[in-house]
N, C-alpha and C. Protein backbone atom coordinates (compact mmCIF):
# COMPACT_ATOMS: atom_id res chain seq x y z
N MET A 1 89.43 86.53 66.81
CA MET A 1 90.82 86.72 67.12
C MET A 1 91.23 87.48 68.41
N ALA A 2 91.99 87.10 69.16
CA ALA A 2 92.25 87.75 70.23
C ALA A 2 93.13 89.05 70.21
N ILE A 3 92.97 89.73 71.35
CA ILE A 3 93.83 90.96 71.37
C ILE A 3 95.15 90.86 71.85
N GLY A 4 96.16 90.90 71.31
CA GLY A 4 97.41 90.81 72.18
C GLY A 4 98.34 91.26 71.21
N PRO A 5 99.74 91.44 71.72
CA PRO A 5 100.72 91.74 70.88
C PRO A 5 101.06 90.79 69.61
N SER A 6 100.93 89.75 69.67
CA SER A 6 101.14 88.84 68.81
C SER A 6 100.07 88.86 67.77
N ALA A 7 99.05 89.11 68.07
CA ALA A 7 97.71 89.16 67.32
C ALA A 7 97.75 90.44 66.27
N VAL A 8 98.59 91.67 66.83
CA VAL A 8 98.69 92.88 66.08
C VAL A 8 99.43 92.61 64.91
N GLU A 9 100.39 91.58 64.82
CA GLU A 9 101.15 91.34 63.67
C GLU A 9 100.30 90.80 62.44
N ARG A 10 99.17 90.21 62.87
CA ARG A 10 98.23 89.77 61.61
C ARG A 10 97.34 90.66 61.29
N TRP A 11 97.28 92.03 62.01
CA TRP A 11 96.30 92.86 61.54
C TRP A 11 96.50 93.50 60.28
N LEU A 12 97.86 93.53 59.87
CA LEU A 12 98.09 94.06 58.64
C LEU A 12 97.49 93.47 57.49
N ASP A 13 96.92 92.05 57.55
CA ASP A 13 96.50 91.16 56.64
C ASP A 13 94.91 91.44 56.68
N LEU A 14 94.29 92.00 57.76
CA LEU A 14 92.91 91.91 57.80
C LEU A 14 92.23 92.65 56.81
N SER A 15 90.97 92.66 56.51
CA SER A 15 90.17 93.58 55.77
C SER A 15 89.86 94.65 56.78
N THR A 16 89.23 95.60 55.95
CA THR A 16 88.77 96.75 56.64
C THR A 16 87.60 96.42 57.94
N GLU A 17 86.81 95.67 57.55
CA GLU A 17 85.86 95.04 58.40
C GLU A 17 86.27 94.36 59.64
N GLU A 18 87.16 93.53 59.37
CA GLU A 18 87.82 92.68 60.33
C GLU A 18 88.78 93.70 61.31
N LEU A 19 89.31 94.58 60.77
CA LEU A 19 90.21 95.51 61.52
C LEU A 19 89.40 96.19 62.56
N ARG A 20 88.33 96.62 61.84
CA ARG A 20 87.40 97.59 62.46
C ARG A 20 86.78 96.85 63.75
N ALA A 21 86.52 95.59 63.70
CA ALA A 21 85.87 94.71 64.77
C ALA A 21 87.07 94.76 65.82
N GLN A 22 88.27 94.47 65.18
CA GLN A 22 89.32 94.30 66.26
C GLN A 22 89.65 95.61 67.12
N VAL A 23 89.87 96.69 66.27
CA VAL A 23 90.04 97.88 66.94
C VAL A 23 88.85 98.38 67.78
N LYS A 24 87.69 97.83 67.45
CA LYS A 24 86.38 98.34 68.44
C LYS A 24 86.50 97.54 69.78
N GLN A 25 87.06 96.33 69.65
CA GLN A 25 87.28 95.49 70.75
C GLN A 25 88.54 96.16 71.58
N LEU A 26 89.55 96.57 70.96
CA LEU A 26 90.66 97.09 71.63
C LEU A 26 90.20 98.52 72.20
N VAL A 27 89.39 99.38 71.64
CA VAL A 27 88.83 100.58 72.26
C VAL A 27 87.86 100.28 73.41
N SER A 28 87.35 99.34 73.60
CA SER A 28 86.32 98.99 74.59
C SER A 28 87.27 98.26 75.61
N ALA A 29 88.23 97.80 75.36
CA ALA A 29 89.06 97.23 76.48
C ALA A 29 89.73 98.16 77.22
N ARG A 30 89.88 99.43 76.79
CA ARG A 30 90.37 100.63 77.45
C ARG A 30 91.75 100.59 78.20
N LEU A 31 92.66 99.79 77.51
CA LEU A 31 93.76 99.43 77.80
C LEU A 31 94.91 100.98 77.77
N PRO A 32 95.62 101.04 78.84
CA PRO A 32 96.57 101.98 78.89
C PRO A 32 97.43 102.38 77.72
N GLY A 33 97.95 103.73 77.52
CA GLY A 33 98.74 103.83 76.31
C GLY A 33 100.01 103.12 76.24
N ASP A 34 100.51 102.91 77.37
CA ASP A 34 101.86 102.05 77.49
C ASP A 34 101.61 100.61 77.48
N HIS A 35 100.40 99.93 77.15
CA HIS A 35 100.16 98.68 77.12
C HIS A 35 100.71 98.03 75.89
N ALA A 36 101.22 96.67 76.08
CA ALA A 36 102.01 95.97 75.13
C ALA A 36 101.34 96.07 73.79
N VAL A 37 99.92 96.04 73.50
CA VAL A 37 99.27 95.80 72.43
C VAL A 37 99.25 97.21 71.59
N TRP A 38 99.17 98.47 72.33
CA TRP A 38 99.44 99.69 71.78
C TRP A 38 100.76 99.93 71.38
N GLN A 39 102.01 99.28 72.09
CA GLN A 39 103.17 99.36 71.68
C GLN A 39 103.36 98.51 70.43
N ALA A 40 102.78 97.66 70.35
CA ALA A 40 102.90 96.78 68.95
C ALA A 40 102.11 97.51 67.66
N VAL A 41 101.13 98.05 68.01
CA VAL A 41 100.51 98.89 66.86
C VAL A 41 101.45 100.01 66.50
N ARG A 42 102.00 100.74 67.53
CA ARG A 42 102.66 101.74 67.18
C ARG A 42 104.27 101.41 66.36
N ARG A 43 104.46 100.15 66.64
CA ARG A 43 105.80 99.81 65.77
C ARG A 43 105.56 99.44 64.39
N HIS A 44 104.32 99.33 64.01
CA HIS A 44 104.00 99.18 62.50
C HIS A 44 103.49 100.44 61.93
N PRO A 45 104.60 101.21 61.21
CA PRO A 45 104.03 102.59 60.62
C PRO A 45 102.98 102.37 59.51
N ALA A 46 102.76 101.17 59.01
CA ALA A 46 101.57 100.95 58.09
C ALA A 46 100.04 100.81 58.64
N LEU A 47 100.31 100.24 60.03
CA LEU A 47 99.19 100.02 60.73
C LEU A 47 98.53 101.21 61.37
N VAL A 48 99.35 102.10 61.83
CA VAL A 48 99.11 103.27 62.67
C VAL A 48 97.87 104.22 61.69
N PRO A 49 98.19 104.50 60.56
CA PRO A 49 97.33 105.24 59.73
C PRO A 49 95.72 104.43 59.53
N ARG A 50 95.79 103.05 59.50
CA ARG A 50 94.66 102.23 59.20
C ARG A 50 93.96 102.29 60.61
N VAL A 51 94.57 102.21 61.56
CA VAL A 51 93.88 102.33 63.00
C VAL A 51 93.30 103.63 63.15
N ARG A 52 93.89 104.76 62.73
CA ARG A 52 93.37 106.10 62.87
C ARG A 52 92.11 106.14 61.99
N GLY A 53 92.04 105.65 61.03
CA GLY A 53 90.96 105.73 60.14
C GLY A 53 89.81 105.03 60.52
N VAL A 54 90.13 103.83 61.22
CA VAL A 54 89.10 102.86 61.89
C VAL A 54 88.61 103.70 62.89
N LEU A 55 89.26 104.62 63.85
CA LEU A 55 89.04 105.28 64.97
C LEU A 55 87.97 106.53 64.52
N SER A 56 88.40 107.08 63.30
CA SER A 56 87.49 108.09 62.85
C SER A 56 86.12 107.54 62.41
N GLY A 57 86.21 106.48 61.78
CA GLY A 57 84.96 105.63 61.41
C GLY A 57 84.03 105.31 62.62
N LEU A 58 84.93 104.79 63.67
CA LEU A 58 83.92 104.56 64.79
C LEU A 58 83.40 105.69 65.68
N ALA A 59 84.05 106.96 65.54
CA ALA A 59 83.54 108.16 66.04
C ALA A 59 82.38 108.46 65.58
N ALA A 60 82.45 108.54 64.02
CA ALA A 60 81.12 108.90 63.18
C ALA A 60 80.22 107.78 63.32
N THR A 61 80.45 106.74 63.52
CA THR A 61 79.28 105.80 63.93
C THR A 61 78.58 105.96 65.26
N ALA A 62 79.44 106.38 66.25
CA ALA A 62 78.98 106.55 67.47
C ALA A 62 78.18 107.98 67.60
N ALA A 63 78.26 108.92 66.57
CA ALA A 63 77.25 110.08 66.81
C ALA A 63 76.03 109.92 66.70
N GLY A 64 75.32 110.60 67.56
CA GLY A 64 73.88 110.38 67.68
C GLY A 64 73.43 109.12 68.62
N SER A 65 74.44 108.46 69.08
CA SER A 65 73.78 107.26 69.74
C SER A 65 73.81 107.44 71.19
N LYS A 66 73.13 106.74 72.07
CA LYS A 66 72.95 107.02 73.53
C LYS A 66 74.31 107.00 74.16
N ASP A 67 75.31 106.30 73.70
CA ASP A 67 76.60 105.98 74.02
C ASP A 67 77.59 106.99 73.44
N GLU A 68 77.19 108.01 72.93
CA GLU A 68 78.22 108.84 72.22
C GLU A 68 79.29 109.31 73.12
N ALA A 69 79.08 109.87 74.18
CA ALA A 69 79.90 110.57 75.17
C ALA A 69 81.10 109.51 75.45
N MET A 70 80.67 108.57 75.86
CA MET A 70 81.52 107.61 76.40
C MET A 70 82.36 106.86 75.21
N GLN A 71 81.66 106.70 74.31
CA GLN A 71 82.56 106.17 73.12
C GLN A 71 83.49 107.24 72.67
N LYS A 72 83.35 108.34 72.58
CA LYS A 72 84.31 109.59 72.12
C LYS A 72 85.34 109.67 73.14
N VAL A 73 85.00 109.50 74.50
CA VAL A 73 85.96 109.48 75.40
C VAL A 73 87.05 108.23 75.18
N TRP A 74 86.36 107.10 75.02
CA TRP A 74 87.31 105.94 74.78
C TRP A 74 88.16 106.16 73.54
N ILE A 75 87.63 106.61 72.48
CA ILE A 75 88.21 106.85 71.04
C ILE A 75 89.36 107.99 71.23
N SER A 76 89.01 108.99 72.08
CA SER A 76 90.08 110.08 72.24
C SER A 76 91.36 109.24 73.19
N LYS A 77 90.91 108.60 73.94
CA LYS A 77 92.26 107.88 74.66
C LYS A 77 92.95 106.88 73.88
N ALA A 78 92.11 106.28 72.79
CA ALA A 78 92.93 105.41 72.07
C ALA A 78 93.84 106.14 70.90
N ARG A 79 93.31 107.47 70.38
CA ARG A 79 94.19 108.19 69.58
C ARG A 79 95.49 108.67 70.41
N ALA A 80 95.08 108.96 71.70
CA ALA A 80 96.11 109.51 72.44
C ALA A 80 97.39 108.39 72.76
N ALA A 81 96.84 107.28 72.82
CA ALA A 81 97.81 105.98 72.84
C ALA A 81 98.59 105.74 71.47
N LEU A 82 97.97 106.14 70.47
CA LEU A 82 98.63 106.14 69.32
C LEU A 82 99.60 107.18 69.01
N ASP A 83 99.41 108.45 69.79
CA ASP A 83 100.31 109.54 69.44
C ASP A 83 101.50 109.44 70.55
N GLN A 84 101.60 108.45 71.32
CA GLN A 84 102.67 108.32 72.24
C GLN A 84 103.96 107.95 71.41
N PRO A 85 105.04 108.44 71.85
CA PRO A 85 106.45 107.93 70.95
C PRO A 85 106.65 106.61 71.43
N VAL A 86 107.32 106.11 70.24
CA VAL A 86 107.67 104.52 70.19
C VAL A 86 108.85 104.53 71.11
N ALA A 87 108.87 103.63 72.14
CA ALA A 87 110.02 103.54 73.04
C ALA A 87 111.07 102.96 72.24
N ALA A 88 112.21 103.41 72.53
CA ALA A 88 113.57 103.21 71.73
C ALA A 88 114.05 101.62 72.53
N PRO A 89 114.69 100.91 71.71
CA PRO A 89 114.98 99.66 72.14
C PRO A 89 115.98 99.73 73.40
N VAL A 90 115.71 99.01 74.38
CA VAL A 90 116.57 99.05 75.44
C VAL A 90 118.09 98.45 75.27
N LYS A 91 118.94 99.20 75.51
CA LYS A 91 120.29 98.63 75.35
C LYS A 91 120.78 97.93 76.75
N THR A 92 121.82 97.09 76.69
CA THR A 92 122.12 96.37 77.90
C THR A 92 123.16 97.45 78.39
N ALA A 93 123.15 97.36 79.78
CA ALA A 93 123.98 98.39 80.55
C ALA A 93 125.34 97.89 80.71
N ARG A 94 126.03 98.80 80.59
CA ARG A 94 127.54 98.31 80.54
C ARG A 94 128.06 99.07 82.01
N LYS A 95 129.29 98.49 82.48
CA LYS A 95 129.61 99.03 83.73
C LYS A 95 130.30 100.44 83.36
N PRO A 96 129.93 101.32 84.40
CA PRO A 96 130.29 102.90 84.20
C PRO A 96 131.73 102.85 84.40
N VAL A 97 132.28 103.65 83.53
CA VAL A 97 133.93 104.08 83.46
C VAL A 97 134.02 105.09 84.32
N ALA A 98 135.18 104.81 85.25
CA ALA A 98 135.30 105.96 86.06
C ALA A 98 136.08 107.01 85.48
N LYS A 99 135.53 108.19 85.65
CA LYS A 99 136.25 109.35 84.91
C LYS A 99 137.12 110.24 85.96
N GLU A 100 138.17 110.84 85.43
CA GLU A 100 139.05 111.47 86.34
C GLU A 100 138.41 112.68 86.62
N VAL A 101 138.19 113.14 87.93
CA VAL A 101 137.82 114.26 88.07
C VAL A 101 138.94 115.31 88.46
N PRO A 102 139.07 116.48 87.82
CA PRO A 102 140.15 117.32 88.09
C PRO A 102 140.04 117.89 89.32
N ALA A 103 141.12 118.31 89.91
CA ALA A 103 141.31 118.81 90.95
C ALA A 103 140.56 120.15 91.02
N GLU A 104 139.73 120.57 91.81
CA GLU A 104 139.06 121.74 91.77
C GLU A 104 140.02 122.94 92.19
N GLU A 105 139.97 123.96 91.22
CA GLU A 105 140.64 125.28 91.73
C GLU A 105 139.95 126.11 92.48
N PRO A 106 140.65 126.89 93.48
CA PRO A 106 139.97 127.76 94.29
C PRO A 106 139.15 128.74 93.43
N GLU A 107 138.06 129.14 93.66
CA GLU A 107 137.27 130.09 93.10
C GLU A 107 138.09 131.46 93.33
N PRO A 108 138.22 132.30 92.30
CA PRO A 108 138.79 133.59 92.45
C PRO A 108 138.02 134.47 93.28
N VAL A 109 138.66 135.32 94.31
CA VAL A 109 138.03 136.17 94.97
C VAL A 109 137.84 137.54 94.44
N ILE A 110 136.35 137.80 94.46
CA ILE A 110 135.88 138.89 93.79
C ILE A 110 135.83 140.17 94.83
N GLU A 111 136.59 141.11 94.49
CA GLU A 111 136.54 142.30 95.38
C GLU A 111 135.34 143.29 95.10
N LEU A 112 134.54 143.55 96.07
CA LEU A 112 133.38 144.27 95.71
C LEU A 112 133.82 145.87 96.18
N ARG A 113 133.84 146.81 95.15
CA ARG A 113 133.96 148.00 95.39
C ARG A 113 132.73 148.89 95.30
N GLU A 114 132.74 150.07 96.39
CA GLU A 114 131.83 150.76 96.27
C GLU A 114 131.71 151.51 94.91
N PRO A 115 130.53 151.88 94.45
CA PRO A 115 130.49 152.57 93.12
C PRO A 115 130.85 154.04 93.13
N GLU A 116 131.51 154.55 92.26
CA GLU A 116 132.19 155.79 92.20
C GLU A 116 130.85 156.61 92.26
N PRO A 117 131.11 157.86 93.19
CA PRO A 117 130.18 158.90 93.25
C PRO A 117 129.91 159.51 91.86
N GLN A 118 128.70 159.78 91.43
CA GLN A 118 128.43 160.41 90.04
C GLN A 118 128.20 161.65 90.39
N GLU A 119 128.27 162.70 89.53
CA GLU A 119 127.82 164.05 89.57
C GLU A 119 126.38 164.17 89.68
N PRO A 120 126.08 165.18 90.63
CA PRO A 120 124.61 165.04 90.71
C PRO A 120 123.91 165.72 89.53
N ARG A 121 122.72 165.02 89.06
CA ARG A 121 122.15 165.49 87.88
C ARG A 121 121.39 166.75 88.17
N GLN A 122 121.44 167.67 87.08
CA GLN A 122 120.80 168.92 87.20
C GLN A 122 119.48 168.58 86.45
N PRO A 123 118.53 169.53 87.11
CA PRO A 123 117.43 169.34 86.64
C PRO A 123 117.18 169.94 85.09
N PRO A 124 116.35 169.39 84.32
CA PRO A 124 116.36 169.79 82.83
C PRO A 124 116.02 171.10 82.91
N ARG A 125 116.57 171.97 82.05
CA ARG A 125 116.25 173.35 81.87
C ARG A 125 114.80 173.68 81.26
N ALA A 126 114.34 174.55 81.56
CA ALA A 126 113.19 175.01 80.88
C ALA A 126 113.55 175.59 79.56
N VAL A 127 112.82 175.12 78.39
CA VAL A 127 113.14 175.75 77.20
C VAL A 127 112.11 176.93 76.85
N PRO A 128 112.72 178.32 76.40
CA PRO A 128 111.74 179.38 76.28
C PRO A 128 110.89 179.11 75.35
N THR A 129 109.73 179.64 75.30
CA THR A 129 108.61 179.40 74.34
C THR A 129 108.90 180.30 73.13
N MET A 130 108.89 179.89 72.13
CA MET A 130 109.44 180.65 70.74
C MET A 130 107.83 181.01 70.05
N LEU A 131 107.89 182.02 69.53
CA LEU A 131 106.76 182.61 68.88
C LEU A 131 107.15 182.83 67.37
N PHE A 132 106.40 182.34 66.67
CA PHE A 132 106.74 182.65 65.25
C PHE A 132 105.48 183.33 64.63
N GLN A 133 105.95 184.47 63.86
CA GLN A 133 104.98 185.27 63.31
C GLN A 133 104.88 185.11 61.94
N GLU A 134 103.70 185.46 61.35
CA GLU A 134 103.54 185.23 59.95
C GLU A 134 104.31 186.76 59.28
N PRO A 135 104.80 186.20 58.19
CA PRO A 135 105.38 187.51 57.35
C PRO A 135 104.22 188.48 56.85
N GLY A 136 104.44 189.67 56.95
CA GLY A 136 103.33 190.39 56.33
C GLY A 136 102.76 191.38 57.08
């Protein structure tokens, strides 16, 4: 089975092993996250968790192999591609409607006044020391 947006439609009917082979081929292709195949996968809410499960299985299988580091990088990129938001459908553009722009009012003039002089602060007074004596 080929990898393409139309092939993704049939992935819902595949067995786990067949889906695993397709996802492994998709991961190895290292397609960017905005590729049509990833967009097709993200459009199917039932397929996304199945693909995540297959990716987890691929990561577990790659553990301990000589290509483990490379496989984990590819798998993490595939997971990131699944996490991208689904693009909203593009609407046809309509002609912009000219809006009336209100006449700009002159900005009010703000007068700057000098701050009023404050009374000079007096230094704090020293509090006399109080001695308490015990009764008796």
